[in-house]
Amino acid sequence: MPIADPIAVPVVLDRREGPYGEVVLRRRGPHFEIIANGTFLMDTSDGRSERLLVDAAYEALPAGRERPSVLIGGLGVGFSLAHAAADPRWGRIAVVERELAVVDWHRSGPLAPLSGAALADPRTEVLHTDLVAYVKSTRDIFDALCLDIDNGPDWTVTESNDSLYSPTGLAACRDRLTPGGVLAVWSARPSPAFEEALRNAGFSGVRTEEITVARGVPDVVHLAVRPA
């Protein structure tokens, strides 16, 4: 995601060292940024791609599926969660976030105004855990998985996230879906290799939707369906 107003000087609001490295919340002008281990992840300047992640997953579901459940990973700046909670068509909304600092920033910190209504929604459940471990260990199933924990399958925040995009990780994601369920993965750039990996993992309907950005290569959402 492009950085909002690169001329403005960023101000560090919080910096924490956690089990996965350093996470930093910064304010740049009127916007907030999250940095993980020195890598820019996202900011609050433009939530189009996060909203598309959720909408594209819903639209790819089989027609007539009522109150589908969705797993969002991770919480980030809250755009995906807020967008899902604003849509009454969704049923259960679970969001996985491994960084306690990020959860705190939303519950009682600077990001609370962005996600307060969504966190108060009775459909919402926050799971403070690692997404990769969760999809491989839980028995919960969902109608949609909307994943945005890295800058893409080819550009992960930590090495441990690599396994999510491996054959075993994608098989775990497939197993967490109901028949006809949708996997949606955000990426800062297209990945033909990831499309092929999704097909090899047994998904159908694999496609990529582009989101135009101000500069550079478009953001994308990779979509895949667990066969019914």
C-alpha atoms as a PDB file:
ATOM      1  CA  MET A   1       0.000   0.000   0.000  1.00  0.00           C
ATOM      2  CA  PRO A   2       1.441   3.436  -0.867  1.00  0.00           C
ATOM      3  CA  ILE A   3       2.593   5.589   2.028  1.00  0.00           C
ATOM      4  CA  ALA A   4       0.308   8.537   2.788  1.00  0.00           C
ATOM      5  CA  ASP A   5       1.919  11.958   2.242  1.00  0.00           C
ATOM      6  CA  PRO A   6       5.591  10.883   2.114  1.00  0.00           C
ATOM      7  CA  ILE A   7       6.665  14.491   2.772  1.00  0.00           C
ATOM      8  CA  ALA A   8       5.110  14.642   6.257  1.00  0.00           C
ATOM      9  CA  VAL A   9       7.447  13.686   9.099  1.00  0.00           C
ATOM     10  CA  PRO A  10       6.251  10.514  10.890  1.00  0.00           C
ATOM     11  CA  VAL A  11       5.748  10.631  14.656  1.00  0.00           C
ATOM     12  CA  VAL A  12       6.145   7.405  16.650  1.00  0.00           C
ATOM     13  CA  LEU A  13       3.149   6.877  18.943  1.00  0.00           C
ATOM     14  CA  ASP A  14       4.065   3.459  20.301  1.00  0.00           C
ATOM     15  CA  ARG A  15       6.893   0.978  19.839  1.00  0.00           C
ATOM     16  CA  ARG A  16       6.852  -2.539  21.243  1.00  0.00           C
ATOM     17  CA  GLU A  17       9.063  -5.593  21.097  1.00  0.00           C
ATOM     18  CA  GLY A  18       7.067  -8.787  20.874  1.00  0.00           C
ATOM     19  CA  PRO A  19       7.644 -12.477  20.144  1.00  0.00           C
ATOM     20  CA  TYR A  20       7.684 -11.769  16.393  1.00  0.00           C
ATOM     21  CA  GLY A  21       9.885  -8.683  16.505  1.00  0.00           C
ATOM     22  CA  GLU A  22       9.255  -4.955  16.740  1.00  0.00           C
ATOM     23  CA  VAL A  23       5.930  -3.319  15.887  1.00  0.00           C
ATOM     24  CA  VAL A  24       5.541   0.434  15.639  1.00  0.00           C
ATOM     25  CA  LEU A  25       2.525   2.701  15.344  1.00  0.00           C
ATOM     26  CA  ARG A  26       3.278   6.041  13.703  1.00  0.00           C
ATOM     27  CA  ARG A  27       1.238   9.074  12.742  1.00  0.00           C
ATOM     28  CA  ARG A  28       2.098  10.772   9.474  1.00  0.00           C
ATOM     29  CA  GLY A  29       0.009  13.895   9.054  1.00  0.00           C
ATOM     30  CA  PRO A  30      -3.626  12.869   9.645  1.00  0.00           C
ATOM     31  CA  HIS A  31      -2.946   9.173   9.030  1.00  0.00           C
ATOM     32  CA  PHE A  32      -1.611   6.229  11.032  1.00  0.00           C
ATOM     33  CA  GLU A  33       0.967   3.674   9.893  1.00  0.00           C
ATOM     34  CA  ILE A  34       1.937   0.241  11.171  1.00  0.00           C
ATOM     35  CA  ILE A  35       5.554  -0.857  10.769  1.00  0.00           C
ATOM     36  CA  ALA A  36       6.693  -4.404  11.566  1.00  0.00           C
ATOM     37  CA  ASN A  37      10.390  -5.200  11.856  1.00  0.00           C
ATOM     38  CA  GLY A  38      11.192  -2.104   9.841  1.00  0.00           C
ATOM     39  CA  THR A  39       8.800  -3.052   7.015  1.00  0.00           C
ATOM     40  CA  PHE A  40       5.901  -0.753   6.190  1.00  0.00           C
ATOM     41  CA  LEU A  41       2.685  -2.778   6.344  1.00  0.00           C
ATOM     42  CA  MET A  42      -0.272  -0.443   5.932  1.00  0.00           C
ATOM     43  CA  ASP A  43      -1.719   2.936   6.752  1.00  0.00           C
ATOM     44  CA  THR A  44      -5.100   4.621   7.045  1.00  0.00           C
ATOM     45  CA  SER A  45      -4.826   6.744   3.904  1.00  0.00           C
ATOM     46  CA  ASP A  46      -6.843   4.465   1.592  1.00  0.00           C
ATOM     47  CA  GLY A  47      -8.851   1.396   2.561  1.00  0.00           C
ATOM     48  CA  ARG A  48     -10.034   0.399  -0.913  1.00  0.00           C
ATOM     49  CA  SER A  49      -8.012  -2.792  -1.129  1.00  0.00           C
ATOM     50  CA  GLU A  50      -9.012  -3.928   2.366  1.00  0.00           C
ATOM     51  CA  ARG A  51     -12.680  -3.356   1.554  1.00  0.00           C
ATOM     52  CA  LEU A  52     -12.329  -5.161  -1.770  1.00  0.00           C
ATOM     53  CA  LEU A  53     -10.775  -8.102   0.064  1.00  0.00           C
ATOM     54  CA  VAL A  54     -13.998  -8.547   2.038  1.00  0.00           C
ATOM     55  CA  ASP A  55     -16.440  -7.703  -0.745  1.00  0.00           C
ATOM     56  CA  ALA A  56     -14.755  -9.922  -3.324  1.00  0.00           C
ATOM     57  CA  ALA A  57     -14.888 -12.870  -0.932  1.00  0.00           C
ATOM     58  CA  TYR A  58     -18.600 -12.353  -0.302  1.00  0.00           C
ATOM     59  CA  GLU A  59     -19.419 -11.980  -3.986  1.00  0.00           C
ATOM     60  CA  ALA A  60     -17.566 -15.196  -4.827  1.00  0.00           C
ATOM     61  CA  LEU A  61     -19.678 -17.247  -2.406  1.00  0.00           C
ATOM     62  CA  PRO A  62     -22.463 -19.461  -3.787  1.00  0.00           C
ATOM     63  CA  ALA A  63     -25.691 -17.572  -4.365  1.00  0.00           C
ATOM     64  CA  GLY A  64     -28.198 -17.770  -1.555  1.00  0.00           C
ATOM     65  CA  ARG A  65     -25.767 -18.517   1.261  1.00  0.00           C
ATOM     66  CA  GLU A  66     -27.259 -16.767   4.286  1.00  0.00           C
ATOM     67  CA  ARG A  67     -25.269 -15.116   7.065  1.00  0.00           C
ATOM     68  CA  PRO A  68     -21.896 -16.550   5.995  1.00  0.00           C
ATOM     69  CA  SER A  69     -19.048 -16.564   8.489  1.00  0.00           C
ATOM     70  CA  VAL A  70     -15.714 -14.895   7.786  1.00  0.00           C
ATOM     71  CA  LEU A  71     -12.245 -15.164   9.282  1.00  0.00           C
ATOM     72  CA  ILE A  72     -10.151 -12.024   8.858  1.00  0.00           C
ATOM     73  CA  GLY A  73      -6.395 -12.187   9.367  1.00  0.00           C
ATOM     74  CA  GLY A  74      -5.071  -9.855  10.680  1.00  0.00           C
ATOM     75  CA  LEU A  75      -6.543  -6.802  12.333  1.00  0.00           C
ATOM     76  CA  GLY A  76      -4.116  -4.258  10.861  1.00  0.00           C
ATOM     77  CA  VAL A  77      -5.561  -0.739  10.799  1.00  0.00           C
ATOM     78  CA  GLY A  78      -9.065  -2.207  11.048  1.00  0.00           C
ATOM     79  CA  PHE A  79     -10.443  -1.438   7.598  1.00  0.00           C
ATOM     80  CA  SER A  80     -11.343  -5.047   6.721  1.00  0.00           C
ATOM     81  CA  LEU A  81     -13.005  -5.681  10.077  1.00  0.00           C
ATOM     82  CA  ALA A  82     -14.916  -2.394  10.025  1.00  0.00           C
ATOM     83  CA  HIS A  83     -16.136  -3.049   6.488  1.00  0.00           C
ATOM     84  CA  ALA A  84     -17.314  -6.566   7.298  1.00  0.00           C
ATOM     85  CA  ALA A  85     -19.092  -5.421  10.470  1.00  0.00           C
ATOM     86  CA  ALA A  86     -20.844  -2.641   8.530  1.00  0.00           C
ATOM     87  CA  ASP A  87     -22.383  -5.279   6.242  1.00  0.00           C
ATOM     88  CA  PRO A  88     -25.405  -6.973   7.861  1.00  0.00           C
ATOM     89  CA  ARG A  89     -25.145  -9.892   5.429  1.00  0.00           C
ATOM     90  CA  TRP A  90     -22.212 -11.406   7.316  1.00  0.00           C
ATOM     91  CA  GLY A  91     -22.777 -13.722  10.257  1.00  0.00           C
ATOM     92  CA  ARG A  92     -19.870 -14.583  12.539  1.00  0.00           C
ATOM     93  CA  ILE A  93     -16.855 -12.289  12.058  1.00  0.00           C
ATOM     94  CA  ALA A  94     -13.632 -13.588  13.613  1.00  0.00           C
ATOM     95  CA  VAL A  95     -10.425 -11.582  13.316  1.00  0.00           C
ATOM     96  CA  VAL A  96      -7.035 -13.096  14.120  1.00  0.00           C
ATOM     97  CA  GLU A  97      -4.221 -10.820  15.265  1.00  0.00           C
ATOM     98  CA  ARG A  98      -0.969 -12.122  16.734  1.00  0.00           C
ATOM     99  CA  GLU A  99       0.374  -8.754  17.919  1.00  0.00           C
ATOM    100  CA  LEU A 100      -1.120  -7.734  21.260  1.00  0.00           C
ATOM    101  CA  ALA A 101       0.049  -4.179  20.585  1.00  0.00           C
ATOM    102  CA  VAL A 102      -2.218  -3.954  17.538  1.00  0.00           C
ATOM    103  CA  VAL A 103      -5.189  -5.244  19.522  1.00  0.00           C
ATOM    104  CA  ASP A 104      -4.464  -2.671  22.230  1.00  0.00           C
ATOM    105  CA  TRP A 105      -4.224   0.176  19.701  1.00  0.00           C
ATOM    106  CA  HIS A 106      -7.736  -0.708  18.554  1.00  0.00           C
ATOM    107  CA  ARG A 107      -9.333  -1.391  21.913  1.00  0.00           C
ATOM    108  CA  SER A 108      -8.098   1.665  23.788  1.00  0.00           C
ATOM    109  CA  GLY A 109      -5.488   3.424  21.664  1.00  0.00           C
ATOM    110  CA  PRO A 110      -5.291   5.764  18.674  1.00  0.00           C
ATOM    111  CA  LEU A 111      -6.984   3.314  16.289  1.00  0.00           C
ATOM    112  CA  ALA A 112     -10.097   2.897  18.461  1.00  0.00           C
ATOM    113  CA  PRO A 113     -12.150   5.446  16.463  1.00  0.00           C
ATOM    114  CA  LEU A 114     -11.636   3.327  13.337  1.00  0.00           C
ATOM    115  CA  SER A 115     -12.806   0.037  14.801  1.00  0.00           C
ATOM    116  CA  GLY A 116     -14.840   0.782  17.931  1.00  0.00           C
ATOM    117  CA  ALA A 117     -18.213   0.010  16.378  1.00  0.00           C
ATOM    118  CA  ALA A 118     -16.909  -3.170  14.748  1.00  0.00           C
ATOM    119  CA  LEU A 119     -15.357  -4.464  17.977  1.00  0.00           C
ATOM    120  CA  ALA A 120     -18.620  -3.782  19.821  1.00  0.00           C
ATOM    121  CA  ASP A 121     -20.634  -5.710  17.219  1.00  0.00           C
ATOM    122  CA  PRO A 122     -21.923  -8.958  18.781  1.00  0.00           C
ATOM    123  CA  ARG A 123     -20.892 -10.869  15.644  1.00  0.00           C
ATOM    124  CA  THR A 124     -17.226  -9.912  16.151  1.00  0.00           C
ATOM    125  CA  GLU A 125     -14.678 -12.095  17.915  1.00  0.00           C
ATOM    126  CA  VAL A 126     -11.008 -11.106  18.306  1.00  0.00           C
ATOM    127  CA  LEU A 127      -8.607 -14.047  18.449  1.00  0.00           C
ATOM    128  CA  HIS A 128      -5.185 -13.096  19.830  1.00  0.00           C
ATOM    129  CA  THR A 129      -3.130 -15.817  18.189  1.00  0.00           C
ATOM    130  CA  ASP A 130      -0.899 -16.531  15.230  1.00  0.00           C
ATOM    131  CA  LEU A 131      -2.910 -17.009  12.039  1.00  0.00           C
ATOM    132  CA  VAL A 132      -0.622 -19.691  10.619  1.00  0.00           C
ATOM    133  CA  ALA A 133      -0.848 -21.770  13.796  1.00  0.00           C
ATOM    134  CA  TYR A 134      -4.586 -21.150  14.081  1.00  0.00           C
ATOM    135  CA  VAL A 135      -5.564 -22.410  10.620  1.00  0.00           C
ATOM    136  CA  LYS A 136      -3.423 -25.499  11.132  1.00  0.00           C
ATOM    137  CA  SER A 137      -4.820 -26.371  14.573  1.00  0.00           C
ATOM    138  CA  THR A 138      -8.414 -25.174  14.881  1.00  0.00           C
ATOM    139  CA  ARG A 139     -11.443 -27.234  13.979  1.00  0.00           C
ATOM    140  CA  ASP A 140     -13.494 -24.119  13.213  1.00  0.00           C
ATOM    141  CA  ILE A 141     -14.700 -23.706   9.661  1.00  0.00           C
ATOM    142  CA  PHE A 142     -15.745 -20.549   7.835  1.00  0.00           C
ATOM    143  CA  ASP A 143     -17.444 -19.572   4.623  1.00  0.00           C
ATOM    144  CA  ALA A 144     -14.672 -17.109   3.795  1.00  0.00           C
ATOM    145  CA  LEU A 145     -11.067 -16.485   4.785  1.00  0.00           C
ATOM    146  CA  CYS A 146      -9.828 -12.928   4.126  1.00  0.00           C
ATOM    147  CA  LEU A 147      -6.086 -12.838   4.744  1.00  0.00           C
ATOM    148  CA  ASP A 148      -3.933  -9.719   4.899  1.00  0.00           C
ATOM    149  CA  ILE A 149      -0.982 -10.456   7.183  1.00  0.00           C
ATOM    150  CA  ASP A 150       1.876  -9.781   4.762  1.00  0.00           C
ATOM    151  CA  ASN A 151       2.694  -7.613   1.787  1.00  0.00           C
ATOM    152  CA  GLY A 152       1.856 -10.697  -0.259  1.00  0.00           C
ATOM    153  CA  PRO A 153       2.739 -14.375  -0.695  1.00  0.00           C
ATOM    154  CA  ASP A 154       6.143 -13.390  -2.089  1.00  0.00           C
ATOM    155  CA  TRP A 155       6.889 -10.708   0.527  1.00  0.00           C
ATOM    156  CA  THR A 156       6.203 -11.917   4.053  1.00  0.00           C
ATOM    157  CA  VAL A 157       6.685  -9.911   7.241  1.00  0.00           C
ATOM    158  CA  THR A 158       8.387 -12.794   9.076  1.00  0.00           C
ATOM    159  CA  GLU A 159       9.850 -16.058   7.806  1.00  0.00           C
ATOM    160  CA  SER A 160       7.346 -18.041   9.849  1.00  0.00           C
ATOM    161  CA  ASN A 161       4.566 -16.692   7.641  1.00  0.00           C
ATOM    162  CA  ASP A 162       6.067 -18.397   4.581  1.00  0.00           C
ATOM    163  CA  SER A 163       4.430 -21.678   5.530  1.00  0.00           C
ATOM    164  CA  LEU A 164       0.964 -20.163   5.097  1.00  0.00           C
ATOM    165  CA  TYR A 165       1.545 -20.050   1.337  1.00  0.00           C
ATOM    166  CA  SER A 166       3.140 -23.495   1.160  1.00  0.00           C
ATOM    167  CA  PRO A 167       1.222 -26.613   0.046  1.00  0.00           C
ATOM    168  CA  THR A 168       0.551 -27.594   3.673  1.00  0.00           C
ATOM    169  CA  GLY A 169      -0.520 -24.056   4.612  1.00  0.00           C
ATOM    170  CA  LEU A 170      -2.893 -23.756   1.671  1.00  0.00           C
ATOM    171  CA  ALA A 171      -4.288 -27.211   2.420  1.00  0.00           C
ATOM    172  CA  ALA A 172      -4.988 -26.033   5.982  1.00  0.00           C
ATOM    173  CA  CYS A 173      -6.775 -22.953   4.624  1.00  0.00           C
ATOM    174  CA  ARG A 174      -8.828 -25.154   2.317  1.00  0.00           C
ATOM    175  CA  ASP A 175      -9.784 -27.386   5.237  1.00  0.00           C
ATOM    176  CA  ARG A 176     -10.968 -24.348   7.217  1.00  0.00           C
ATOM    177  CA  LEU A 177     -13.528 -23.565   4.508  1.00  0.00           C
ATOM    178  CA  THR A 178     -17.017 -24.905   3.988  1.00  0.00           C
ATOM    179  CA  PRO A 179     -17.682 -26.476   0.562  1.00  0.00           C
ATOM    180  CA  GLY A 180     -17.934 -23.566  -1.857  1.00  0.00           C
ATOM    181  CA  GLY A 181     -16.106 -21.342   0.643  1.00  0.00           C
ATOM    182  CA  VAL A 182     -13.742 -18.627  -0.558  1.00  0.00           C
ATOM    183  CA  LEU A 183     -10.111 -17.857   0.222  1.00  0.00           C
ATOM    184  CA  ALA A 184      -9.146 -14.219  -0.451  1.00  0.00           C
ATOM    185  CA  VAL A 185      -5.505 -13.130  -0.039  1.00  0.00           C
ATOM    186  CA  TRP A 186      -4.311  -9.528  -0.325  1.00  0.00           C
ATOM    187  CA  SER A 187      -1.003  -8.813  -2.056  1.00  0.00           C
ATOM    188  CA  ALA A 188       0.971  -5.709  -2.962  1.00  0.00           C
ATOM    189  CA  ARG A 189       1.677  -7.221  -6.373  1.00  0.00           C
ATOM    190  CA  PRO A 190       0.334 -10.018  -8.586  1.00  0.00           C
ATOM    191  CA  SER A 191       1.818 -13.488  -8.124  1.00  0.00           C
ATOM    192  CA  PRO A 192       1.268 -15.987 -10.954  1.00  0.00           C
ATOM    193  CA  ALA A 193       3.250 -18.535  -8.919  1.00  0.00           C
ATOM    194  CA  PHE A 194       0.767 -18.194  -6.054  1.00  0.00           C
ATOM    195  CA  GLU A 195      -2.154 -18.681  -8.439  1.00  0.00           C
ATOM    196  CA  GLU A 196      -0.570 -21.929  -9.560  1.00  0.00           C
ATOM    197  CA  ALA A 197       0.013 -22.950  -5.932  1.00  0.00           C
ATOM    198  CA  LEU A 198      -3.682 -22.396  -5.198  1.00  0.00           C
ATOM    199  CA  ARG A 199      -4.689 -24.648  -8.099  1.00  0.00           C
ATOM    200  CA  ASN A 200      -2.222 -27.316  -6.990  1.00  0.00           C
ATOM    201  CA  ALA A 201      -3.717 -27.149  -3.482  1.00  0.00           C
ATOM    202  CA  GLY A 202      -7.112 -28.190  -4.825  1.00  0.00           C
ATOM    203  CA  PHE A 203      -8.824 -24.813  -5.172  1.00  0.00           C
ATOM    204  CA  SER A 204     -11.008 -23.932  -8.136  1.00  0.00           C
ATOM    205  CA  GLY A 205     -12.092 -20.608  -9.606  1.00  0.00           C
ATOM    206  CA  VAL A 206      -8.647 -19.118  -9.019  1.00  0.00           C
ATOM    207  CA  ARG A 207      -8.451 -15.502 -10.184  1.00  0.00           C
ATOM    208  CA  THR A 208      -6.865 -12.179  -9.321  1.00  0.00           C
ATOM    209  CA  GLU A 209      -8.597  -8.811  -8.945  1.00  0.00           C
ATOM    210  CA  GLU A 210      -6.519  -5.638  -9.282  1.00  0.00           C
ATOM    211  CA  ILE A 211      -6.877  -2.451  -7.235  1.00  0.00           C
ATOM    212  CA  THR A 212      -5.404   0.603  -8.911  1.00  0.00           C
ATOM    213  CA  VAL A 213      -3.000   2.622  -6.771  1.00  0.00           C
ATOM    214  CA  ALA A 214      -1.615   6.112  -7.279  1.00  0.00           C
ATOM    215  CA  ARG A 215       1.842   4.886  -8.246  1.00  0.00           C
ATOM    216  CA  GLY A 216       3.440   1.615  -9.246  1.00  0.00           C
ATOM    217  CA  VAL A 217       2.073  -1.905  -9.637  1.00  0.00           C
ATOM    218  CA  PRO A 218      -1.604  -2.378  -8.637  1.00  0.00           C
ATOM    219  CA  ASP A 219      -2.506  -4.067  -5.365  1.00  0.00           C
ATOM    220  CA  VAL A 220      -4.350  -7.340  -5.911  1.00  0.00           C
ATOM    221  CA  VAL A 221      -6.670  -9.779  -4.201  1.00  0.00           C
ATOM    222  CA  HIS A 222      -6.108 -13.445  -5.029  1.00  0.00           C
ATOM    223  CA  LEU A 223      -9.357 -15.438  -4.905  1.00  0.00           C
ATOM    224  CA  ALA A 224      -9.890 -19.187  -4.782  1.00  0.00           C
ATOM    225  CA  VAL A 225     -12.824 -21.463  -4.005  1.00  0.00           C
ATOM    226  CA  ARG A 226     -12.980 -24.770  -2.158  1.00  0.00           C
ATOM    227  CA  PRO A 227     -14.892 -27.090  -4.501  1.00  0.00           C
ATOM    228  CA  ALA A 228     -18.334 -28.083  -3.263  1.00  0.00           C
END
